[in-house]
């Protein structure tokens, strides 16, 4: 079995963003910065070897998020983030699509007493790592993924999103 070696050259990011809902607080440059940080951290982490990342991001409302979650995961509710991982192509391009449900993001931030932008950054990073093959189904994988997310967010001055907030 071949082990992936971390790349020495930073990967290139190709990002397409579609706004199905208006979100002035989430401009393209901010989203790009978050996804880029996650991509570079994953490259250093070395779980997957890639030289380029191609991501499509769609920001949606409740109806579209619920339809996608029902259609692809057979769960009839709107979830905060859905990620479609397409793997690494022979040319070294890691590809994926991320769907972020803005109303769920907004509701969760309020319920969890988190800053909207901090929670948005976390979900973008979380989705990007999923697009690169990270997962949290098994406890060991979850611990690794959450630790990486926490390190990325800490470097941005954002608190650990997995700590329970006291009300």
N, C-alpha and C. Protein backbone atom coordinates (compact mmCIF):
# COMPACT_ATOMS: atom_id res chain seq x y z
N UNK A 1 0.84 -1.18 0.00
CA UNK A 1 0.00 0.00 0.00
C UNK A 1 0.88 1.24 0.00
N UNK A 2 0.60 2.17 -0.89
CA UNK A 2 1.38 3.40 -1.02
C UNK A 2 0.90 4.42 -0.01
N UNK A 3 1.83 5.00 0.73
CA UNK A 3 1.50 6.05 1.69
C UNK A 3 1.61 7.40 0.99
N UNK A 4 0.69 8.27 1.29
CA UNK A 4 0.73 9.62 0.70
C UNK A 4 1.76 10.45 1.45
N UNK A 5 2.60 11.14 0.70
CA UNK A 5 3.58 12.04 1.28
C UNK A 5 3.05 13.47 1.17
N UNK A 6 3.28 14.28 2.21
CA UNK A 6 2.83 15.67 2.12
C UNK A 6 3.54 16.37 0.96
N UNK A 7 2.80 17.22 0.27
CA UNK A 7 3.37 17.98 -0.84
C UNK A 7 4.17 19.16 -0.28
N UNK A 8 5.26 19.50 -0.95
CA UNK A 8 6.06 20.64 -0.53
C UNK A 8 5.55 21.94 -1.16
N UNK A 9 4.96 21.85 -2.34
CA UNK A 9 4.43 23.02 -3.03
C UNK A 9 2.96 23.21 -2.65
N UNK A 10 2.57 24.42 -2.20
CA UNK A 10 1.16 24.63 -1.85
C UNK A 10 0.24 24.34 -3.05
N UNK A 11 -0.84 23.67 -2.76
CA UNK A 11 -1.82 23.34 -3.81
C UNK A 11 -2.51 24.60 -4.30
N UNK A 12 -2.96 24.53 -5.53
CA UNK A 12 -3.71 25.62 -6.16
C UNK A 12 -5.20 25.37 -5.91
N UNK A 13 -5.94 26.44 -5.64
CA UNK A 13 -7.37 26.32 -5.39
C UNK A 13 -8.17 26.93 -6.53
N UNK A 14 -9.10 26.14 -7.06
CA UNK A 14 -10.08 26.63 -8.03
C UNK A 14 -11.43 26.55 -7.34
N UNK A 15 -12.05 27.70 -7.12
CA UNK A 15 -13.29 27.77 -6.34
C UNK A 15 -14.38 28.50 -7.12
N UNK A 16 -15.54 27.86 -7.20
CA UNK A 16 -16.73 28.47 -7.79
C UNK A 16 -17.78 28.58 -6.70
N UNK A 17 -18.35 29.77 -6.55
CA UNK A 17 -19.37 29.99 -5.51
C UNK A 17 -20.67 30.42 -6.17
N UNK A 18 -21.76 29.76 -5.79
CA UNK A 18 -23.10 30.08 -6.28
C UNK A 18 -23.94 30.50 -5.09
N UNK A 19 -24.52 31.68 -5.18
CA UNK A 19 -25.40 32.18 -4.12
C UNK A 19 -26.85 31.98 -4.55
N UNK A 20 -27.50 30.94 -4.01
CA UNK A 20 -28.92 30.74 -4.27
C UNK A 20 -29.74 31.62 -3.32
N UNK A 21 -29.10 32.09 -2.26
CA UNK A 21 -29.69 33.04 -1.31
C UNK A 21 -28.69 34.16 -1.11
N UNK A 22 -29.19 35.34 -0.76
CA UNK A 22 -28.31 36.47 -0.50
C UNK A 22 -27.69 36.36 0.88
N UNK A 23 -26.37 36.53 0.94
CA UNK A 23 -25.66 36.49 2.22
C UNK A 23 -24.55 37.53 2.19
N UNK A 24 -24.90 38.80 2.39
CA UNK A 24 -23.89 39.86 2.33
C UNK A 24 -22.72 39.65 3.31
N UNK A 25 -22.98 38.97 4.42
CA UNK A 25 -21.93 38.75 5.41
C UNK A 25 -20.89 37.72 4.95
N UNK A 26 -21.17 37.01 3.85
CA UNK A 26 -20.25 35.98 3.36
C UNK A 26 -19.77 36.31 1.94
N UNK A 27 -18.91 37.30 1.82
CA UNK A 27 -18.38 37.63 0.50
C UNK A 27 -17.42 36.54 0.00
N UNK A 28 -17.25 36.49 -1.30
CA UNK A 28 -16.40 35.48 -1.92
C UNK A 28 -14.99 35.45 -1.35
N UNK A 29 -14.40 36.61 -1.13
CA UNK A 29 -13.01 36.65 -0.66
C UNK A 29 -12.88 35.98 0.71
N UNK A 30 -13.88 36.14 1.56
CA UNK A 30 -13.83 35.56 2.91
C UNK A 30 -13.96 34.04 2.83
N UNK A 31 -14.90 33.58 2.04
CA UNK A 31 -15.10 32.14 1.87
C UNK A 31 -13.84 31.50 1.28
N UNK A 32 -13.29 32.16 0.26
CA UNK A 32 -12.07 31.65 -0.38
C UNK A 32 -10.94 31.51 0.64
N UNK A 33 -10.79 32.48 1.51
CA UNK A 33 -9.72 32.45 2.52
C UNK A 33 -9.90 31.24 3.45
N UNK A 34 -11.13 30.99 3.88
CA UNK A 34 -11.38 29.87 4.79
C UNK A 34 -11.09 28.53 4.11
N UNK A 35 -11.60 28.36 2.91
CA UNK A 35 -11.40 27.11 2.18
C UNK A 35 -9.92 26.91 1.86
N UNK A 36 -9.24 27.98 1.51
CA UNK A 36 -7.81 27.91 1.21
C UNK A 36 -7.02 27.46 2.44
N UNK A 37 -7.34 28.00 3.60
CA UNK A 37 -6.66 27.60 4.84
C UNK A 37 -6.86 26.11 5.13
N UNK A 38 -8.09 25.64 4.94
CA UNK A 38 -8.38 24.22 5.17
C UNK A 38 -7.61 23.35 4.20
N UNK A 39 -7.58 23.75 2.95
CA UNK A 39 -6.87 23.00 1.92
C UNK A 39 -5.38 22.90 2.24
N UNK A 40 -4.76 24.02 2.61
CA UNK A 40 -3.33 24.01 2.91
C UNK A 40 -3.03 23.18 4.16
N UNK A 41 -3.89 23.28 5.17
CA UNK A 41 -3.69 22.49 6.39
C UNK A 41 -3.81 20.99 6.09
N UNK A 42 -4.76 20.63 5.24
CA UNK A 42 -4.92 19.22 4.87
C UNK A 42 -3.71 18.75 4.07
N UNK A 43 -3.18 19.60 3.24
CA UNK A 43 -2.00 19.24 2.46
C UNK A 43 -0.82 18.95 3.38
N UNK A 44 -0.63 19.78 4.38
CA UNK A 44 0.44 19.58 5.35
C UNK A 44 0.17 18.32 6.18
N UNK A 45 -1.09 18.09 6.51
CA UNK A 45 -1.48 16.91 7.30
C UNK A 45 -1.11 15.62 6.57
N UNK A 46 -1.22 15.62 5.26
CA UNK A 46 -0.76 14.49 4.46
C UNK A 46 -1.67 13.29 4.36
N UNK A 47 -2.90 13.38 4.84
CA UNK A 47 -3.83 12.25 4.72
C UNK A 47 -4.08 11.91 3.25
N UNK A 48 -4.12 12.92 2.42
CA UNK A 48 -4.35 12.74 0.99
C UNK A 48 -3.33 13.61 0.25
N UNK A 49 -2.83 13.09 -0.85
CA UNK A 49 -1.85 13.83 -1.65
C UNK A 49 -2.56 14.44 -2.86
N UNK A 50 -2.41 15.75 -3.03
CA UNK A 50 -3.03 16.45 -4.15
C UNK A 50 -2.22 17.70 -4.45
N UNK A 51 -2.30 18.18 -5.68
CA UNK A 51 -1.57 19.38 -6.08
C UNK A 51 -2.52 20.53 -6.40
N UNK A 52 -3.78 20.22 -6.54
CA UNK A 52 -4.78 21.22 -6.90
C UNK A 52 -6.10 20.81 -6.27
N UNK A 53 -6.92 21.80 -5.95
CA UNK A 53 -8.24 21.49 -5.41
C UNK A 53 -9.28 22.29 -6.18
N UNK A 54 -10.31 21.58 -6.60
CA UNK A 54 -11.41 22.20 -7.34
C UNK A 54 -12.68 22.01 -6.52
N UNK A 55 -13.24 23.14 -6.06
CA UNK A 55 -14.42 23.11 -5.20
C UNK A 55 -15.53 23.96 -5.80
N UNK A 56 -16.73 23.41 -5.75
CA UNK A 56 -17.93 24.17 -6.07
C UNK A 56 -18.70 24.34 -4.77
N UNK A 57 -19.04 25.56 -4.43
CA UNK A 57 -19.79 25.84 -3.21
C UNK A 57 -21.11 26.50 -3.59
N UNK A 58 -22.18 26.01 -2.99
CA UNK A 58 -23.50 26.60 -3.22
C UNK A 58 -24.12 26.94 -1.88
N UNK A 59 -24.50 28.20 -1.70
CA UNK A 59 -25.17 28.65 -0.49
C UNK A 59 -26.66 28.65 -0.77
N UNK A 60 -27.42 27.88 0.03
CA UNK A 60 -28.82 27.63 -0.28
C UNK A 60 -29.74 27.94 0.91
N UNK A 61 -31.05 27.93 0.61
CA UNK A 61 -32.09 28.07 1.61
C UNK A 61 -32.56 26.71 2.11
N UNK A 62 -33.55 26.72 2.99
CA UNK A 62 -34.06 25.50 3.61
C UNK A 62 -34.61 24.49 2.62
N UNK A 63 -35.43 24.96 1.68
CA UNK A 63 -36.11 24.06 0.75
C UNK A 63 -35.10 23.25 -0.08
N UNK A 64 -34.10 23.93 -0.65
CA UNK A 64 -33.11 23.25 -1.47
C UNK A 64 -32.24 22.32 -0.61
N UNK A 65 -31.86 22.77 0.57
CA UNK A 65 -31.03 21.93 1.46
C UNK A 65 -31.78 20.66 1.86
N UNK A 66 -33.07 20.80 2.16
CA UNK A 66 -33.87 19.64 2.54
C UNK A 66 -34.01 18.67 1.37
N UNK A 67 -34.25 19.19 0.17
CA UNK A 67 -34.39 18.33 -1.01
C UNK A 67 -33.09 17.58 -1.30
N UNK A 68 -31.97 18.25 -1.19
CA UNK A 68 -30.68 17.59 -1.44
C UNK A 68 -30.37 16.54 -0.37
N UNK A 69 -30.64 16.87 0.88
CA UNK A 69 -30.38 15.92 1.96
C UNK A 69 -31.29 14.70 1.83
N UNK A 70 -32.54 14.92 1.44
CA UNK A 70 -33.47 13.80 1.24
C UNK A 70 -33.05 12.97 0.03
N UNK A 71 -32.66 13.63 -1.03
CA UNK A 71 -32.29 12.92 -2.26
C UNK A 71 -31.00 12.13 -2.17
N UNK A 72 -30.01 12.66 -1.45
CA UNK A 72 -28.71 12.00 -1.40
C UNK A 72 -28.44 11.22 -0.13
N UNK A 73 -29.06 11.65 0.99
CA UNK A 73 -28.79 10.96 2.25
C UNK A 73 -30.04 10.29 2.83
N UNK A 74 -31.17 10.46 2.16
CA UNK A 74 -32.45 9.89 2.59
C UNK A 74 -32.84 10.37 3.99
N UNK A 75 -32.51 11.64 4.27
CA UNK A 75 -32.88 12.28 5.53
C UNK A 75 -33.68 13.52 5.18
N UNK A 76 -34.94 13.54 5.60
CA UNK A 76 -35.87 14.57 5.16
C UNK A 76 -35.85 15.82 6.05
N UNK A 77 -34.70 16.47 6.11
CA UNK A 77 -34.56 17.74 6.81
C UNK A 77 -33.37 18.49 6.21
N UNK A 78 -33.34 19.77 6.43
CA UNK A 78 -32.22 20.59 5.96
C UNK A 78 -31.08 20.46 6.96
N UNK A 79 -29.91 20.10 6.47
CA UNK A 79 -28.72 20.00 7.32
C UNK A 79 -27.84 21.22 7.07
N UNK A 80 -26.90 21.46 7.95
CA UNK A 80 -26.08 22.66 7.83
C UNK A 80 -25.14 22.62 6.61
N UNK A 81 -24.48 21.51 6.40
CA UNK A 81 -23.54 21.41 5.27
C UNK A 81 -23.57 20.00 4.69
N UNK A 82 -23.60 19.93 3.38
CA UNK A 82 -23.50 18.66 2.65
C UNK A 82 -22.25 18.74 1.80
N UNK A 83 -21.50 17.67 1.76
CA UNK A 83 -20.30 17.65 0.94
C UNK A 83 -20.32 16.43 0.03
N UNK A 84 -19.93 16.66 -1.20
CA UNK A 84 -19.81 15.59 -2.19
C UNK A 84 -18.33 15.49 -2.56
N UNK A 85 -17.73 14.39 -2.19
CA UNK A 85 -16.30 14.16 -2.45
C UNK A 85 -16.16 13.36 -3.74
N UNK A 86 -15.31 13.83 -4.64
CA UNK A 86 -15.10 13.14 -5.91
C UNK A 86 -13.71 12.52 -6.01
N UNK A 87 -12.92 12.61 -4.96
CA UNK A 87 -11.61 11.99 -4.94
C UNK A 87 -10.55 12.83 -5.64
N UNK A 88 -9.37 12.22 -5.77
CA UNK A 88 -8.24 12.88 -6.43
C UNK A 88 -8.09 12.27 -7.82
N UNK A 89 -8.10 13.13 -8.82
CA UNK A 89 -7.97 12.71 -10.21
C UNK A 89 -6.51 12.35 -10.51
N UNK A 90 -6.26 11.63 -11.61
CA UNK A 90 -4.88 11.25 -11.96
C UNK A 90 -3.92 12.45 -12.09
N UNK A 91 -4.45 13.63 -12.41
CA UNK A 91 -3.59 14.81 -12.53
C UNK A 91 -3.29 15.48 -11.19
N UNK A 92 -3.78 14.89 -10.08
CA UNK A 92 -3.53 15.43 -8.76
C UNK A 92 -4.57 16.41 -8.26
N UNK A 93 -5.68 16.57 -9.00
CA UNK A 93 -6.74 17.48 -8.60
C UNK A 93 -7.74 16.79 -7.68
N UNK A 94 -7.87 17.31 -6.47
CA UNK A 94 -8.91 16.84 -5.54
C UNK A 94 -10.16 17.67 -5.84
N UNK A 95 -11.30 17.00 -5.97
CA UNK A 95 -12.51 17.71 -6.36
C UNK A 95 -13.66 17.41 -5.41
N UNK A 96 -14.52 18.40 -5.24
CA UNK A 96 -15.70 18.21 -4.41
C UNK A 96 -16.66 19.37 -4.53
N UNK A 97 -17.88 19.14 -4.08
CA UNK A 97 -18.90 20.18 -4.01
C UNK A 97 -19.36 20.29 -2.57
N UNK A 98 -19.63 21.52 -2.16
CA UNK A 98 -20.12 21.79 -0.81
C UNK A 98 -21.41 22.58 -0.93
N UNK A 99 -22.42 22.19 -0.15
CA UNK A 99 -23.69 22.91 -0.10
C UNK A 99 -23.87 23.37 1.34
N UNK A 100 -23.99 24.67 1.53
CA UNK A 100 -24.16 25.24 2.86
C UNK A 100 -25.55 25.85 2.96
N UNK A 101 -26.31 25.40 3.96
CA UNK A 101 -27.65 25.92 4.18
C UNK A 101 -27.57 27.12 5.13
N UNK A 102 -27.78 28.29 4.59
CA UNK A 102 -27.61 29.53 5.36
C UNK A 102 -28.60 29.65 6.51
N UNK A 103 -29.89 29.33 6.34
CA UNK A 103 -30.80 29.42 7.50
C UNK A 103 -30.42 28.48 8.64
N UNK A 104 -29.93 27.29 8.33
CA UNK A 104 -29.51 26.37 9.39
C UNK A 104 -28.25 26.91 10.06
N UNK A 105 -27.31 27.41 9.28
CA UNK A 105 -26.11 28.04 9.82
C UNK A 105 -26.48 29.16 10.78
N UNK A 106 -27.40 30.01 10.37
CA UNK A 106 -27.84 31.15 11.18
C UNK A 106 -28.50 30.68 12.48
N UNK A 107 -29.40 29.70 12.35
CA UNK A 107 -30.10 29.17 13.53
C UNK A 107 -29.11 28.53 14.52
N UNK A 108 -28.20 27.71 13.99
CA UNK A 108 -27.24 27.04 14.87
C UNK A 108 -26.34 28.04 15.58
N UNK A 109 -25.88 29.04 14.87
CA UNK A 109 -25.01 30.05 15.49
C UNK A 109 -25.73 30.70 16.67
N UNK A 110 -27.00 31.03 16.46
CA UNK A 110 -27.79 31.67 17.51
C UNK A 110 -28.01 30.70 18.69
N UNK A 111 -28.45 29.48 18.39
CA UNK A 111 -28.72 28.49 19.44
C UNK A 111 -27.46 28.12 20.22
N UNK A 112 -26.33 28.05 19.54
CA UNK A 112 -25.07 27.64 20.18
C UNK A 112 -24.28 28.83 20.72
N UNK A 113 -24.87 30.03 20.59
CA UNK A 113 -24.22 31.26 21.06
C UNK A 113 -22.85 31.45 20.44
N UNK A 114 -22.80 31.24 19.12
CA UNK A 114 -21.56 31.41 18.37
C UNK A 114 -21.72 32.59 17.42
N UNK A 115 -20.62 33.26 17.16
CA UNK A 115 -20.62 34.31 16.16
C UNK A 115 -20.93 33.70 14.80
N UNK A 116 -21.78 34.36 14.02
CA UNK A 116 -22.19 33.86 12.71
C UNK A 116 -20.98 33.54 11.83
N UNK A 117 -20.04 34.48 11.73
CA UNK A 117 -18.88 34.27 10.86
C UNK A 117 -17.96 33.16 11.37
N UNK A 118 -17.83 33.04 12.67
CA UNK A 118 -17.02 31.95 13.23
C UNK A 118 -17.63 30.59 12.90
N UNK A 119 -18.96 30.51 13.03
CA UNK A 119 -19.64 29.25 12.72
C UNK A 119 -19.57 28.96 11.21
N UNK A 120 -19.72 30.00 10.40
CA UNK A 120 -19.62 29.84 8.95
C UNK A 120 -18.22 29.35 8.57
N UNK A 121 -17.20 29.93 9.17
CA UNK A 121 -15.82 29.50 8.89
C UNK A 121 -15.65 28.03 9.24
N UNK A 122 -16.18 27.64 10.40
CA UNK A 122 -16.06 26.24 10.81
C UNK A 122 -16.74 25.31 9.80
N UNK A 123 -17.94 25.64 9.39
CA UNK A 123 -18.66 24.77 8.45
C UNK A 123 -17.97 24.71 7.08
N UNK A 124 -17.38 25.82 6.64
CA UNK A 124 -16.64 25.81 5.37
C UNK A 124 -15.41 24.91 5.48
N UNK A 125 -14.71 25.03 6.58
CA UNK A 125 -13.51 24.21 6.81
C UNK A 125 -13.91 22.74 6.92
N UNK A 126 -14.97 22.47 7.66
CA UNK A 126 -15.49 21.11 7.83
C UNK A 126 -15.85 20.50 6.46
N UNK A 127 -16.59 21.26 5.65
CA UNK A 127 -16.97 20.79 4.32
C UNK A 127 -15.77 20.56 3.42
N UNK A 128 -14.79 21.44 3.50
CA UNK A 128 -13.58 21.30 2.68
C UNK A 128 -12.82 20.03 3.05
N UNK A 129 -12.70 19.78 4.33
CA UNK A 129 -12.00 18.55 4.76
C UNK A 129 -12.77 17.31 4.30
N UNK A 130 -14.09 17.34 4.36
CA UNK A 130 -14.87 16.22 3.83
C UNK A 130 -14.58 16.03 2.34
N UNK A 131 -14.50 17.13 1.60
CA UNK A 131 -14.22 17.05 0.16
C UNK A 131 -12.86 16.42 -0.11
N UNK A 132 -11.99 16.47 0.88
CA UNK A 132 -10.65 15.88 0.75
C UNK A 132 -10.57 14.47 1.34
N UNK A 133 -11.71 13.92 1.72
CA UNK A 133 -11.73 12.55 2.20
C UNK A 133 -11.72 12.37 3.70
N UNK A 134 -11.71 13.43 4.45
CA UNK A 134 -11.77 13.32 5.91
C UNK A 134 -13.20 12.95 6.29
N UNK A 135 -13.34 12.21 7.40
CA UNK A 135 -14.66 11.81 7.83
C UNK A 135 -14.70 11.73 9.35
N UNK A 136 -15.89 11.54 9.89
CA UNK A 136 -16.04 11.45 11.35
C UNK A 136 -17.01 10.33 11.72
N UNK A 137 -17.05 9.30 10.90
CA UNK A 137 -17.92 8.16 11.20
C UNK A 137 -17.29 7.31 12.30
N UNK A 138 -16.03 6.98 12.15
CA UNK A 138 -15.31 6.21 13.17
C UNK A 138 -14.67 7.18 14.16
N UNK A 139 -14.62 6.77 15.42
CA UNK A 139 -14.12 7.65 16.49
C UNK A 139 -12.70 8.16 16.21
N UNK A 140 -11.84 7.31 15.73
CA UNK A 140 -10.45 7.71 15.46
C UNK A 140 -10.38 8.78 14.36
N UNK A 141 -11.17 8.57 13.29
CA UNK A 141 -11.22 9.54 12.20
C UNK A 141 -11.83 10.86 12.69
N UNK A 142 -12.87 10.77 13.51
CA UNK A 142 -13.52 11.98 14.03
C UNK A 142 -12.53 12.79 14.86
N UNK A 143 -11.77 12.11 15.70
CA UNK A 143 -10.80 12.79 16.56
C UNK A 143 -9.75 13.51 15.70
N UNK A 144 -9.28 12.85 14.66
CA UNK A 144 -8.28 13.44 13.77
C UNK A 144 -8.85 14.65 13.03
N UNK A 145 -10.05 14.49 12.48
CA UNK A 145 -10.67 15.58 11.72
C UNK A 145 -10.98 16.78 12.62
N UNK A 146 -11.54 16.52 13.78
CA UNK A 146 -11.88 17.60 14.70
C UNK A 146 -10.62 18.33 15.19
N UNK A 147 -9.55 17.58 15.43
CA UNK A 147 -8.29 18.22 15.86
C UNK A 147 -7.74 19.12 14.77
N UNK A 148 -7.82 18.67 13.53
CA UNK A 148 -7.35 19.49 12.41
C UNK A 148 -8.22 20.74 12.26
N UNK A 149 -9.53 20.58 12.34
CA UNK A 149 -10.43 21.73 12.27
C UNK A 149 -10.11 22.73 13.38
N UNK A 150 -9.92 22.23 14.58
CA UNK A 150 -9.64 23.08 15.73
C UNK A 150 -8.33 23.85 15.55
N UNK A 151 -7.30 23.19 15.01
CA UNK A 151 -6.02 23.87 14.75
C UNK A 151 -6.17 24.97 13.70
N UNK A 152 -6.90 24.68 12.64
CA UNK A 152 -7.12 25.68 11.58
C UNK A 152 -7.85 26.89 12.16
N UNK A 153 -8.91 26.62 12.90
CA UNK A 153 -9.71 27.71 13.48
C UNK A 153 -8.91 28.50 14.52
N UNK A 154 -8.12 27.81 15.33
CA UNK A 154 -7.30 28.50 16.34
C UNK A 154 -6.31 29.45 15.67
N UNK A 155 -5.75 29.04 14.54
CA UNK A 155 -4.83 29.91 13.80
C UNK A 155 -5.53 31.16 13.28
N UNK A 156 -6.85 31.09 13.19
CA UNK A 156 -7.66 32.23 12.73
C UNK A 156 -8.24 33.01 13.91
N UNK A 157 -7.90 32.59 15.13
CA UNK A 157 -8.42 33.27 16.32
C UNK A 157 -9.83 32.87 16.69
N UNK A 158 -10.26 31.68 16.24
CA UNK A 158 -11.61 31.20 16.51
C UNK A 158 -11.54 30.06 17.52
N UNK A 159 -12.40 30.13 18.54
CA UNK A 159 -12.43 29.12 19.60
C UNK A 159 -12.82 27.75 19.07
N UNK A 160 -12.47 26.74 19.82
CA UNK A 160 -12.80 25.35 19.50
C UNK A 160 -14.33 25.21 19.42
N UNK A 161 -14.86 24.88 18.25
CA UNK A 161 -16.32 24.78 18.09
C UNK A 161 -16.92 23.54 18.76
N UNK A 162 -16.07 22.61 19.18
CA UNK A 162 -16.57 21.38 19.76
C UNK A 162 -16.71 21.47 21.29
N UNK A 163 -16.26 22.57 21.88
CA UNK A 163 -16.46 22.76 23.31
C UNK A 163 -17.90 23.17 23.54
N UNK A 164 -18.51 22.59 24.53
CA UNK A 164 -19.92 22.90 24.84
C UNK A 164 -19.99 24.27 25.48
N UNK A 165 -20.84 25.11 24.92
CA UNK A 165 -21.03 26.47 25.44
C UNK A 165 -22.01 26.42 26.62
N UNK A 166 -21.63 27.05 27.72
CA UNK A 166 -22.54 27.14 28.87
C UNK A 166 -23.55 28.25 28.60
N UNK A 167 -24.81 27.99 28.95
CA UNK A 167 -25.87 28.98 28.70
C UNK A 167 -26.14 29.86 29.86
